[in-house]
Amino acid sequence: MSEFDIPAAEVLEARQKLVLDHFRDEVAQDWDATLSTFPHPHYEVIATMTVHDGDSAVRGYYHDTRTAFPDQHHELIALRHSADAVIVEFWLKGTHLGPFGKLPATGSKFRVRMTAYFVFDAEEKLVCERIYFDSLSMLKQLAGGIDKRKPKNWPVLVKLVRGLLAMSGEQPDRRLVETTEPTLSARS
């Protein structure tokens, strides 16, 4: 199979069902069901340059994001198929009620447009969810909900800036930066 070959309709339907079940189970916070969609859970979050690999790491990712945004949910925009992936555009929505990494809770709501690539291997097993989003859009919304004119909010703003500075010094996961250019087929 080359990068030009799109699988049969029944394969695409099965992939789509798995992805939609995955989304539904994430919103319901049914982590066992969500993780059952992978033989080996693996998330790549490009905006933060982090990889969550394996059951324990992915459960930690779920815990941390739902501590920060307990009401996190999705609103689908579009779903597309490719030779080896289902590509989903969606709004991620929630309220920042707990710490998000080194960022303190702001109480702000957010709505950020995202794209997730659900990548399948040759045996039609889900091997990766790779998520792309504009982190500045999210950060602007998280900080934007704080009334900066009120002195009682200034300590949160200071903690927010300190958290951002600390996070900016973190090294990206090498698996996301040490990539190899693919060998593509040439069609005449």
N, C-alpha and C. Protein backbone atom coordinates (compact mmCIF):
# COMPACT_ATOMS: atom_id res chain seq x y z
N MET A 1 0.85 -1.18 0.00
CA MET A 1 0.00 0.00 0.00
C MET A 1 0.89 1.25 0.00
N SER A 2 0.60 2.19 -0.89
CA SER A 2 1.38 3.43 -0.95
C SER A 2 0.61 4.56 -0.28
N GLU A 3 1.25 5.71 -0.18
CA GLU A 3 0.58 6.86 0.44
C GLU A 3 -0.58 7.38 -0.39
N PHE A 4 -0.76 6.86 -1.60
CA PHE A 4 -1.86 7.28 -2.48
C PHE A 4 -3.09 6.39 -2.35
N ASP A 5 -2.94 5.25 -1.68
CA ASP A 5 -4.04 4.29 -1.57
C ASP A 5 -4.91 4.59 -0.34
N ILE A 6 -6.18 4.83 -0.60
CA ILE A 6 -7.15 5.05 0.47
C ILE A 6 -7.82 3.70 0.76
N PRO A 7 -7.92 3.32 2.02
CA PRO A 7 -8.54 2.02 2.34
C PRO A 7 -10.01 1.96 1.92
N ALA A 8 -10.53 0.75 1.90
CA ALA A 8 -11.93 0.51 1.54
C ALA A 8 -12.86 1.21 2.53
N ALA A 9 -14.09 1.45 2.09
CA ALA A 9 -15.09 2.17 2.89
C ALA A 9 -15.30 1.52 4.25
N GLU A 10 -15.33 0.18 4.31
CA GLU A 10 -15.58 -0.47 5.59
C GLU A 10 -14.42 -0.23 6.58
N VAL A 11 -13.20 -0.10 6.08
CA VAL A 11 -12.05 0.23 6.95
C VAL A 11 -12.20 1.65 7.48
N LEU A 12 -12.55 2.58 6.59
CA LEU A 12 -12.74 3.98 7.00
C LEU A 12 -13.88 4.09 8.01
N GLU A 13 -14.95 3.35 7.80
CA GLU A 13 -16.08 3.37 8.75
C GLU A 13 -15.65 2.84 10.12
N ALA A 14 -14.86 1.77 10.13
CA ALA A 14 -14.40 1.21 11.40
C ALA A 14 -13.47 2.19 12.12
N ARG A 15 -12.58 2.83 11.37
CA ARG A 15 -11.70 3.84 11.96
C ARG A 15 -12.53 4.99 12.56
N GLN A 16 -13.50 5.46 11.78
CA GLN A 16 -14.32 6.59 12.22
C GLN A 16 -15.08 6.23 13.49
N LYS A 17 -15.64 5.02 13.55
CA LYS A 17 -16.36 4.60 14.76
C LYS A 17 -15.42 4.58 15.95
N LEU A 18 -14.23 4.04 15.79
CA LEU A 18 -13.26 3.98 16.87
C LEU A 18 -12.91 5.39 17.37
N VAL A 19 -12.68 6.31 16.44
CA VAL A 19 -12.32 7.69 16.81
C VAL A 19 -13.48 8.38 17.53
N LEU A 20 -14.69 8.22 17.03
CA LEU A 20 -15.84 8.84 17.68
C LEU A 20 -16.10 8.23 19.06
N ASP A 21 -15.89 6.92 19.20
CA ASP A 21 -16.00 6.28 20.51
C ASP A 21 -14.94 6.84 21.46
N HIS A 22 -13.73 7.02 20.95
CA HIS A 22 -12.62 7.58 21.72
C HIS A 22 -12.99 8.97 22.24
N PHE A 23 -13.49 9.83 21.36
CA PHE A 23 -13.92 11.18 21.76
C PHE A 23 -15.01 11.12 22.83
N ARG A 24 -16.02 10.29 22.61
CA ARG A 24 -17.14 10.17 23.55
C ARG A 24 -16.64 9.71 24.92
N ASP A 25 -15.77 8.71 24.93
CA ASP A 25 -15.26 8.17 26.20
C ASP A 25 -14.35 9.17 26.92
N GLU A 26 -13.61 9.99 26.17
CA GLU A 26 -12.81 11.04 26.81
C GLU A 26 -13.69 12.05 27.53
N VAL A 27 -14.75 12.50 26.87
CA VAL A 27 -15.65 13.48 27.48
C VAL A 27 -16.31 12.87 28.72
N ALA A 28 -16.68 11.60 28.65
CA ALA A 28 -17.29 10.92 29.80
C ALA A 28 -16.27 10.58 30.89
N GLN A 29 -14.98 10.80 30.59
CA GLN A 29 -13.88 10.49 31.48
C GLN A 29 -13.86 9.01 31.87
N ASP A 30 -14.22 8.17 30.87
CA ASP A 30 -14.14 6.72 31.02
C ASP A 30 -12.78 6.31 30.44
N TRP A 31 -11.76 6.41 31.30
CA TRP A 31 -10.39 6.22 30.82
C TRP A 31 -10.11 4.80 30.37
N ASP A 32 -10.70 3.80 31.01
CA ASP A 32 -10.48 2.42 30.56
C ASP A 32 -11.00 2.24 29.14
N ALA A 33 -12.19 2.75 28.87
CA ALA A 33 -12.75 2.64 27.52
C ALA A 33 -11.92 3.44 26.51
N THR A 34 -11.50 4.63 26.90
CA THR A 34 -10.69 5.45 25.99
C THR A 34 -9.39 4.73 25.65
N LEU A 35 -8.72 4.23 26.68
CA LEU A 35 -7.43 3.56 26.46
C LEU A 35 -7.58 2.26 25.68
N SER A 36 -8.76 1.65 25.73
CA SER A 36 -8.97 0.39 24.99
C SER A 36 -8.97 0.61 23.48
N THR A 37 -9.01 1.87 23.03
CA THR A 37 -8.97 2.13 21.59
C THR A 37 -7.55 2.01 21.03
N PHE A 38 -6.56 1.92 21.90
CA PHE A 38 -5.14 1.76 21.51
C PHE A 38 -4.62 0.40 21.96
N PRO A 39 -3.76 -0.26 21.17
CA PRO A 39 -3.04 -1.39 21.75
C PRO A 39 -1.95 -0.90 22.70
N HIS A 40 -1.40 0.29 22.40
CA HIS A 40 -0.40 0.95 23.25
C HIS A 40 -0.70 2.44 23.22
N PRO A 41 -1.28 3.00 24.29
CA PRO A 41 -1.65 4.43 24.29
C PRO A 41 -0.46 5.34 24.03
N HIS A 42 -0.67 6.31 23.13
CA HIS A 42 0.42 7.22 22.76
C HIS A 42 -0.18 8.54 22.27
N TYR A 43 0.10 9.62 22.99
CA TYR A 43 -0.34 10.96 22.60
C TYR A 43 0.89 11.82 22.33
N GLU A 44 0.80 12.64 21.30
CA GLU A 44 1.81 13.65 21.01
C GLU A 44 1.09 14.99 20.98
N VAL A 45 1.46 15.90 21.88
CA VAL A 45 0.84 17.21 21.96
C VAL A 45 1.86 18.21 21.41
N ILE A 46 1.66 18.60 20.17
CA ILE A 46 2.65 19.41 19.46
C ILE A 46 2.78 20.80 20.07
N ALA A 47 1.69 21.41 20.50
CA ALA A 47 1.76 22.77 21.06
C ALA A 47 2.66 22.84 22.29
N THR A 48 2.71 21.77 23.08
CA THR A 48 3.56 21.76 24.27
C THR A 48 4.83 20.94 24.06
N MET A 49 4.95 20.31 22.87
CA MET A 49 6.10 19.47 22.53
C MET A 49 6.31 18.36 23.55
N THR A 50 5.19 17.73 23.95
CA THR A 50 5.23 16.65 24.92
C THR A 50 4.68 15.36 24.31
N VAL A 51 5.19 14.25 24.81
CA VAL A 51 4.73 12.92 24.42
C VAL A 51 4.29 12.21 25.69
N HIS A 52 3.14 11.57 25.62
CA HIS A 52 2.63 10.76 26.72
C HIS A 52 2.52 9.34 26.16
N ASP A 53 3.43 8.47 26.57
CA ASP A 53 3.57 7.15 25.97
C ASP A 53 3.33 6.06 27.00
N GLY A 54 2.36 5.21 26.72
CA GLY A 54 2.06 4.09 27.60
C GLY A 54 0.88 4.40 28.51
N ASP A 55 0.30 3.35 29.06
CA ASP A 55 -0.91 3.47 29.88
C ASP A 55 -0.74 4.45 31.04
N SER A 56 0.31 4.32 31.80
CA SER A 56 0.52 5.15 32.98
C SER A 56 0.71 6.62 32.59
N ALA A 57 1.51 6.89 31.59
CA ALA A 57 1.76 8.27 31.16
C ALA A 57 0.49 8.91 30.61
N VAL A 58 -0.30 8.16 29.84
CA VAL A 58 -1.53 8.72 29.28
C VAL A 58 -2.56 8.95 30.39
N ARG A 59 -2.65 8.03 31.34
CA ARG A 59 -3.55 8.25 32.48
C ARG A 59 -3.12 9.51 33.26
N GLY A 60 -1.83 9.73 33.39
CA GLY A 60 -1.33 10.93 34.04
C GLY A 60 -1.72 12.19 33.28
N TYR A 61 -1.64 12.12 31.96
CA TYR A 61 -2.07 13.23 31.09
C TYR A 61 -3.56 13.51 31.29
N TYR A 62 -4.37 12.45 31.29
CA TYR A 62 -5.81 12.62 31.53
C TYR A 62 -6.05 13.25 32.90
N HIS A 63 -5.38 12.75 33.92
CA HIS A 63 -5.55 13.28 35.27
C HIS A 63 -5.20 14.76 35.31
N ASP A 64 -4.05 15.12 34.75
CA ASP A 64 -3.59 16.51 34.82
C ASP A 64 -4.51 17.45 34.06
N THR A 65 -4.95 17.05 32.87
CA THR A 65 -5.80 17.94 32.09
C THR A 65 -7.20 18.05 32.69
N ARG A 66 -7.71 16.98 33.30
CA ARG A 66 -9.05 17.07 33.90
C ARG A 66 -9.01 17.70 35.28
N THR A 67 -7.85 17.72 35.92
CA THR A 67 -7.70 18.50 37.15
C THR A 67 -7.75 19.98 36.79
N ALA A 68 -7.07 20.36 35.71
CA ALA A 68 -7.07 21.75 35.26
C ALA A 68 -8.42 22.16 34.69
N PHE A 69 -9.02 21.27 33.90
CA PHE A 69 -10.26 21.59 33.18
C PHE A 69 -11.28 20.46 33.39
N PRO A 70 -11.91 20.39 34.56
CA PRO A 70 -12.79 19.25 34.85
C PRO A 70 -13.98 19.12 33.92
N ASP A 71 -14.40 20.21 33.30
CA ASP A 71 -15.55 20.18 32.38
C ASP A 71 -15.12 20.13 30.91
N GLN A 72 -13.88 19.75 30.66
CA GLN A 72 -13.36 19.73 29.29
C GLN A 72 -14.23 18.86 28.39
N HIS A 73 -14.55 19.39 27.22
CA HIS A 73 -15.33 18.62 26.24
C HIS A 73 -15.03 19.12 24.83
N HIS A 74 -15.55 18.41 23.84
CA HIS A 74 -15.27 18.67 22.43
C HIS A 74 -16.54 19.08 21.70
N GLU A 75 -16.35 19.85 20.67
CA GLU A 75 -17.42 20.15 19.72
C GLU A 75 -16.81 19.92 18.33
N LEU A 76 -17.25 18.85 17.66
CA LEU A 76 -16.67 18.50 16.36
C LEU A 76 -16.98 19.55 15.31
N ILE A 77 -16.00 19.82 14.46
CA ILE A 77 -16.15 20.72 13.32
C ILE A 77 -16.16 19.91 12.03
N ALA A 78 -15.18 19.02 11.88
CA ALA A 78 -15.08 18.21 10.67
C ALA A 78 -14.27 16.95 10.96
N LEU A 79 -14.52 15.93 10.15
CA LEU A 79 -13.78 14.68 10.25
C LEU A 79 -13.42 14.26 8.83
N ARG A 80 -12.13 13.94 8.65
CA ARG A 80 -11.64 13.57 7.32
C ARG A 80 -10.82 12.29 7.41
N HIS A 81 -10.72 11.60 6.28
CA HIS A 81 -9.96 10.36 6.21
C HIS A 81 -8.75 10.54 5.31
N SER A 82 -7.66 9.88 5.66
CA SER A 82 -6.49 9.83 4.81
C SER A 82 -6.06 8.37 4.69
N ALA A 83 -4.97 8.13 4.00
CA ALA A 83 -4.51 6.76 3.80
C ALA A 83 -4.24 6.04 5.13
N ASP A 84 -3.71 6.77 6.12
CA ASP A 84 -3.36 6.10 7.38
C ASP A 84 -3.89 6.81 8.63
N ALA A 85 -4.83 7.74 8.45
CA ALA A 85 -5.29 8.48 9.63
C ALA A 85 -6.72 8.99 9.47
N VAL A 86 -7.32 9.26 10.62
CA VAL A 86 -8.56 10.03 10.67
C VAL A 86 -8.15 11.38 11.24
N ILE A 87 -8.52 12.44 10.56
CA ILE A 87 -8.15 13.79 10.95
C ILE A 87 -9.42 14.49 11.43
N VAL A 88 -9.37 14.96 12.68
CA VAL A 88 -10.55 15.57 13.28
C VAL A 88 -10.25 17.01 13.66
N GLU A 89 -11.09 17.92 13.16
CA GLU A 89 -11.04 19.31 13.61
C GLU A 89 -12.14 19.47 14.64
N PHE A 90 -11.84 20.16 15.74
CA PHE A 90 -12.82 20.31 16.80
C PHE A 90 -12.50 21.52 17.65
N TRP A 91 -13.51 21.97 18.39
CA TRP A 91 -13.30 22.97 19.42
C TRP A 91 -13.09 22.22 20.72
N LEU A 92 -12.05 22.56 21.45
CA LEU A 92 -11.87 22.05 22.80
C LEU A 92 -12.33 23.17 23.72
N LYS A 93 -13.20 22.82 24.66
CA LYS A 93 -13.81 23.82 25.53
C LYS A 93 -13.70 23.38 26.98
N GLY A 94 -13.67 24.35 27.87
CA GLY A 94 -13.64 24.03 29.28
C GLY A 94 -13.42 25.26 30.13
N THR A 95 -13.28 25.02 31.43
CA THR A 95 -13.06 26.07 32.41
C THR A 95 -11.82 25.73 33.22
N HIS A 96 -10.93 26.70 33.38
CA HIS A 96 -9.64 26.50 34.05
C HIS A 96 -9.83 26.59 35.57
N LEU A 97 -10.10 25.44 36.20
CA LEU A 97 -10.42 25.41 37.62
C LEU A 97 -9.32 24.81 38.49
N GLY A 98 -8.27 24.29 37.88
CA GLY A 98 -7.16 23.71 38.64
C GLY A 98 -5.85 24.03 37.96
N PRO A 99 -4.73 23.68 38.58
CA PRO A 99 -3.43 23.98 37.96
C PRO A 99 -3.27 23.25 36.62
N PHE A 100 -2.67 23.94 35.66
CA PHE A 100 -2.39 23.38 34.34
C PHE A 100 -0.88 23.45 34.16
N GLY A 101 -0.20 22.35 34.47
CA GLY A 101 1.25 22.39 34.51
C GLY A 101 1.66 23.36 35.60
N LYS A 102 2.43 24.37 35.23
CA LYS A 102 2.89 25.37 36.19
C LYS A 102 2.00 26.61 36.19
N LEU A 103 0.85 26.53 35.52
CA LEU A 103 -0.06 27.67 35.47
C LEU A 103 -1.16 27.51 36.53
N PRO A 104 -1.35 28.53 37.36
CA PRO A 104 -2.41 28.43 38.38
C PRO A 104 -3.78 28.56 37.73
N ALA A 105 -4.79 28.05 38.40
CA ALA A 105 -6.17 28.16 37.91
C ALA A 105 -6.55 29.64 37.80
N THR A 106 -7.23 29.97 36.71
CA THR A 106 -7.68 31.35 36.50
C THR A 106 -9.19 31.48 36.59
N GLY A 107 -9.91 30.37 36.52
CA GLY A 107 -11.36 30.41 36.51
C GLY A 107 -11.94 30.79 35.16
N SER A 108 -11.06 31.00 34.17
CA SER A 108 -11.50 31.43 32.84
C SER A 108 -11.98 30.26 31.99
N LYS A 109 -12.96 30.54 31.15
CA LYS A 109 -13.41 29.57 30.15
C LYS A 109 -12.53 29.72 28.91
N PHE A 110 -12.39 28.62 28.15
CA PHE A 110 -11.66 28.69 26.89
C PHE A 110 -12.41 27.90 25.82
N ARG A 111 -12.12 28.27 24.60
CA ARG A 111 -12.64 27.58 23.41
C ARG A 111 -11.56 27.71 22.35
N VAL A 112 -10.87 26.59 22.07
CA VAL A 112 -9.72 26.61 21.18
C VAL A 112 -9.93 25.60 20.05
N ARG A 113 -9.69 26.06 18.83
CA ARG A 113 -9.79 25.17 17.67
C ARG A 113 -8.56 24.29 17.62
N MET A 114 -8.80 22.99 17.41
CA MET A 114 -7.72 22.00 17.40
C MET A 114 -7.88 21.05 16.22
N THR A 115 -6.79 20.37 15.94
CA THR A 115 -6.80 19.28 14.97
C THR A 115 -6.09 18.10 15.62
N ALA A 116 -6.68 16.93 15.51
CA ALA A 116 -6.06 15.71 16.01
C ALA A 116 -5.95 14.72 14.86
N TYR A 117 -4.76 14.15 14.73
CA TYR A 117 -4.52 13.08 13.76
C TYR A 117 -4.53 11.78 14.54
N PHE A 118 -5.47 10.90 14.21
CA PHE A 118 -5.53 9.57 14.79
C PHE A 118 -4.87 8.65 13.76
N VAL A 119 -3.64 8.23 14.05
CA VAL A 119 -2.81 7.51 13.09
C VAL A 119 -2.94 6.00 13.31
N PHE A 120 -3.15 5.28 12.20
CA PHE A 120 -3.32 3.83 12.23
C PHE A 120 -2.14 3.15 11.55
N ASP A 121 -1.79 1.95 12.04
CA ASP A 121 -0.71 1.19 11.42
C ASP A 121 -1.27 0.28 10.32
N ALA A 122 -0.42 -0.55 9.74
CA ALA A 122 -0.81 -1.43 8.63
C ALA A 122 -1.85 -2.47 9.05
N GLU A 123 -1.93 -2.78 10.35
CA GLU A 123 -2.92 -3.74 10.85
C GLU A 123 -4.19 -3.05 11.33
N GLU A 124 -4.33 -1.76 11.04
CA GLU A 124 -5.50 -0.96 11.42
C GLU A 124 -5.64 -0.78 12.92
N LYS A 125 -4.52 -0.74 13.62
CA LYS A 125 -4.50 -0.45 15.05
C LYS A 125 -4.17 1.03 15.23
N LEU A 126 -4.87 1.69 16.15
CA LEU A 126 -4.57 3.08 16.46
C LEU A 126 -3.24 3.13 17.19
N VAL A 127 -2.27 3.87 16.64
CA VAL A 127 -0.94 3.91 17.24
C VAL A 127 -0.60 5.27 17.84
N CYS A 128 -1.37 6.31 17.50
CA CYS A 128 -1.02 7.63 18.00
C CYS A 128 -2.19 8.60 17.84
N GLU A 129 -2.37 9.45 18.84
CA GLU A 129 -3.21 10.63 18.67
C GLU A 129 -2.26 11.82 18.74
N ARG A 130 -2.14 12.54 17.64
CA ARG A 130 -1.23 13.69 17.54
C ARG A 130 -2.09 14.95 17.46
N ILE A 131 -1.93 15.83 18.45
CA ILE A 131 -2.80 16.98 18.61
C ILE A 131 -2.05 18.27 18.30
N TYR A 132 -2.69 19.11 17.48
CA TYR A 132 -2.15 20.42 17.12
C TYR A 132 -3.13 21.50 17.56
N PHE A 133 -2.62 22.56 18.17
CA PHE A 133 -3.45 23.73 18.48
C PHE A 133 -2.54 24.92 18.74
N ASP A 134 -3.13 26.09 18.69
CA ASP A 134 -2.42 27.33 18.93
C ASP A 134 -2.44 27.60 20.43
N SER A 135 -1.32 27.38 21.09
CA SER A 135 -1.28 27.54 22.54
C SER A 135 -1.48 29.00 22.96
N LEU A 136 -1.08 29.95 22.11
CA LEU A 136 -1.27 31.35 22.46
C LEU A 136 -2.75 31.70 22.54
N SER A 137 -3.57 31.14 21.65
CA SER A 137 -5.01 31.37 21.72
C SER A 137 -5.57 30.90 23.05
N MET A 138 -5.12 29.75 23.50
CA MET A 138 -5.59 29.22 24.78
C MET A 138 -5.10 30.10 25.93
N LEU A 139 -3.82 30.44 25.93
CA LEU A 139 -3.26 31.25 27.02
C LEU A 139 -3.91 32.62 27.10
N LYS A 140 -4.20 33.22 25.95
CA LYS A 140 -4.88 34.53 25.94
C LYS A 140 -6.24 34.42 26.61
N GLN A 141 -6.94 33.34 26.35
CA GLN A 141 -8.26 33.16 26.96
C GLN A 141 -8.16 32.87 28.46
N LEU A 142 -7.17 32.07 28.86
CA LEU A 142 -7.02 31.75 30.28
C LEU A 142 -6.65 33.01 31.08
N ALA A 143 -5.75 33.82 30.54
CA ALA A 143 -5.34 35.05 31.23
C ALA A 143 -6.35 36.17 31.03
N GLY A 144 -7.03 36.15 29.88
CA GLY A 144 -7.96 37.23 29.55
C GLY A 144 -9.16 37.30 30.44
N GLY A 145 -9.50 36.22 31.11
CA GLY A 145 -10.67 36.22 31.99
C GLY A 145 -10.39 36.81 33.36
N ILE A 146 -9.13 37.18 33.62
CA ILE A 146 -8.77 37.76 34.92
C ILE A 146 -8.88 39.27 34.82
N ASP A 147 -9.58 39.87 35.76
CA ASP A 147 -9.70 41.34 35.81
C ASP A 147 -8.38 41.89 36.36
N LYS A 148 -7.58 42.44 35.46
CA LYS A 148 -6.24 42.92 35.82
C LYS A 148 -6.26 44.23 36.62
N ARG A 149 -7.40 44.89 36.66
CA ARG A 149 -7.50 46.15 37.40
C ARG A 149 -7.69 45.93 38.89
N LYS A 150 -8.08 44.72 39.27
CA LYS A 150 -8.33 44.43 40.68
C LYS A 150 -7.06 43.92 41.34
N PRO A 151 -6.56 44.63 42.35
CA PRO A 151 -5.33 44.21 43.03
C PRO A 151 -5.39 42.79 43.60
N LYS A 152 -6.59 42.31 43.98
CA LYS A 152 -6.69 40.95 44.53
C LYS A 152 -6.32 39.88 43.49
N ASN A 153 -6.37 40.23 42.19
CA ASN A 153 -6.02 39.28 41.13
C ASN A 153 -4.54 39.32 40.75
N TRP A 154 -3.82 40.30 41.22
CA TRP A 154 -2.42 40.44 40.83
C TRP A 154 -1.54 39.25 41.22
N PRO A 155 -1.75 38.64 42.40
CA PRO A 155 -0.92 37.45 42.72
C PRO A 155 -1.12 36.31 41.71
N VAL A 156 -2.35 36.12 41.24
CA VAL A 156 -2.59 35.08 40.24
C VAL A 156 -1.86 35.42 38.94
N LEU A 157 -1.89 36.68 38.55
CA LEU A 157 -1.20 37.11 37.33
C LEU A 157 0.31 36.90 37.45
N VAL A 158 0.87 37.20 38.61
CA VAL A 158 2.31 36.98 38.83
C VAL A 158 2.62 35.49 38.72
N LYS A 159 1.80 34.64 39.36
CA LYS A 159 2.00 33.19 39.27
C LYS A 159 1.86 32.70 37.84
N LEU A 160 0.93 33.29 37.10
CA LEU A 160 0.72 32.91 35.71
C LEU A 160 1.97 33.23 34.88
N VAL A 161 2.52 34.42 35.05
CA VAL A 161 3.73 34.81 34.31
C VAL A 161 4.90 33.92 34.71
N ARG A 162 5.06 33.66 36.00
CA ARG A 162 6.14 32.77 36.45
C ARG A 162 5.98 31.37 35.86
N GLY A 163 4.74 30.88 35.85
CA GLY A 163 4.48 29.56 35.27
C GLY A 163 4.82 29.51 33.79
N LEU A 164 4.44 30.56 33.06
CA LEU A 164 4.75 30.62 31.62
C LEU A 164 6.26 30.65 31.39
N LEU A 165 6.96 31.43 32.18
CA LEU A 165 8.42 31.49 32.04
C LEU A 165 9.06 30.15 32.35
N ALA A 166 8.59 29.47 33.38
CA ALA A 166 9.14 28.16 33.73
C ALA A 166 8.87 27.15 32.62
N MET A 167 7.65 27.20 32.07
CA MET A 167 7.30 26.25 31.00
C MET A 167 8.08 26.53 29.73
N SER A 168 8.40 27.80 29.47
CA SER A 168 9.13 28.13 28.24
C SER A 168 10.55 27.59 28.26
N GLY A 169 11.08 27.28 29.44
CA GLY A 169 12.43 26.74 29.54
C GLY A 169 12.49 25.23 29.46
N GLU A 170 11.34 24.56 29.39
CA GLU A 170 11.33 23.10 29.32
C GLU A 170 11.77 22.63 27.94
N GLN A 171 12.52 21.54 27.92
CA GLN A 171 13.01 20.98 26.66
C GLN A 171 11.90 20.19 25.97
N PRO A 172 11.80 20.31 24.64
CA PRO A 172 10.81 19.51 23.91
C PRO A 172 11.21 18.04 23.91
N ASP A 173 10.20 17.19 23.82
CA ASP A 173 10.47 15.76 23.72
C ASP A 173 11.23 15.50 22.42
N ARG A 174 12.35 14.85 22.52
CA ARG A 174 13.23 14.64 21.35
C ARG A 174 12.53 13.88 20.23
N ARG A 175 11.54 13.04 20.56
CA ARG A 175 10.83 12.28 19.52
C ARG A 175 10.04 13.20 18.60
N LEU A 176 9.77 14.41 19.05
CA LEU A 176 9.02 15.35 18.21
C LEU A 176 9.92 16.27 17.40
N VAL A 177 11.19 16.33 17.75
CA VAL A 177 12.10 17.21 17.01
C VAL A 177 13.13 16.45 16.19
N GLU A 178 13.44 15.23 16.56
CA GLU A 178 14.40 14.42 15.81
C GLU A 178 13.64 13.52 14.84
N THR A 179 13.12 14.13 13.80
CA THR A 179 12.31 13.39 12.83
C THR A 179 13.12 13.04 11.60
N THR A 180 12.62 12.09 10.84
CA THR A 180 13.26 11.65 9.61
C THR A 180 12.32 11.94 8.46
N GLU A 181 12.84 12.56 7.43
CA GLU A 181 12.01 12.85 6.26
C GLU A 181 11.58 11.55 5.59
N PRO A 182 10.29 11.42 5.24
CA PRO A 182 9.83 10.16 4.64
C PRO A 182 10.30 10.00 3.19
N THR A 183 10.36 8.76 2.77
CA THR A 183 10.62 8.46 1.37
C THR A 183 9.26 8.33 0.69
N LEU A 184 9.00 9.23 -0.25
CA LEU A 184 7.70 9.25 -0.91
C LEU A 184 7.78 8.61 -2.28
N SER A 185 6.68 7.99 -2.68
CA SER A 185 6.59 7.38 -4.00
C SER A 185 6.47 8.47 -5.04
N ALA A 186 7.06 8.23 -6.18
CA ALA A 186 6.93 9.16 -7.30
C ALA A 186 5.95 8.57 -8.30
N ARG A 187 4.95 9.35 -8.65
CA ARG A 187 3.97 8.90 -9.64
C ARG A 187 4.23 9.65 -10.93
N SER A 188 4.15 8.90 -12.05
CA SER A 188 4.37 9.56 -13.34
C SER A 188 3.08 10.08 -13.90
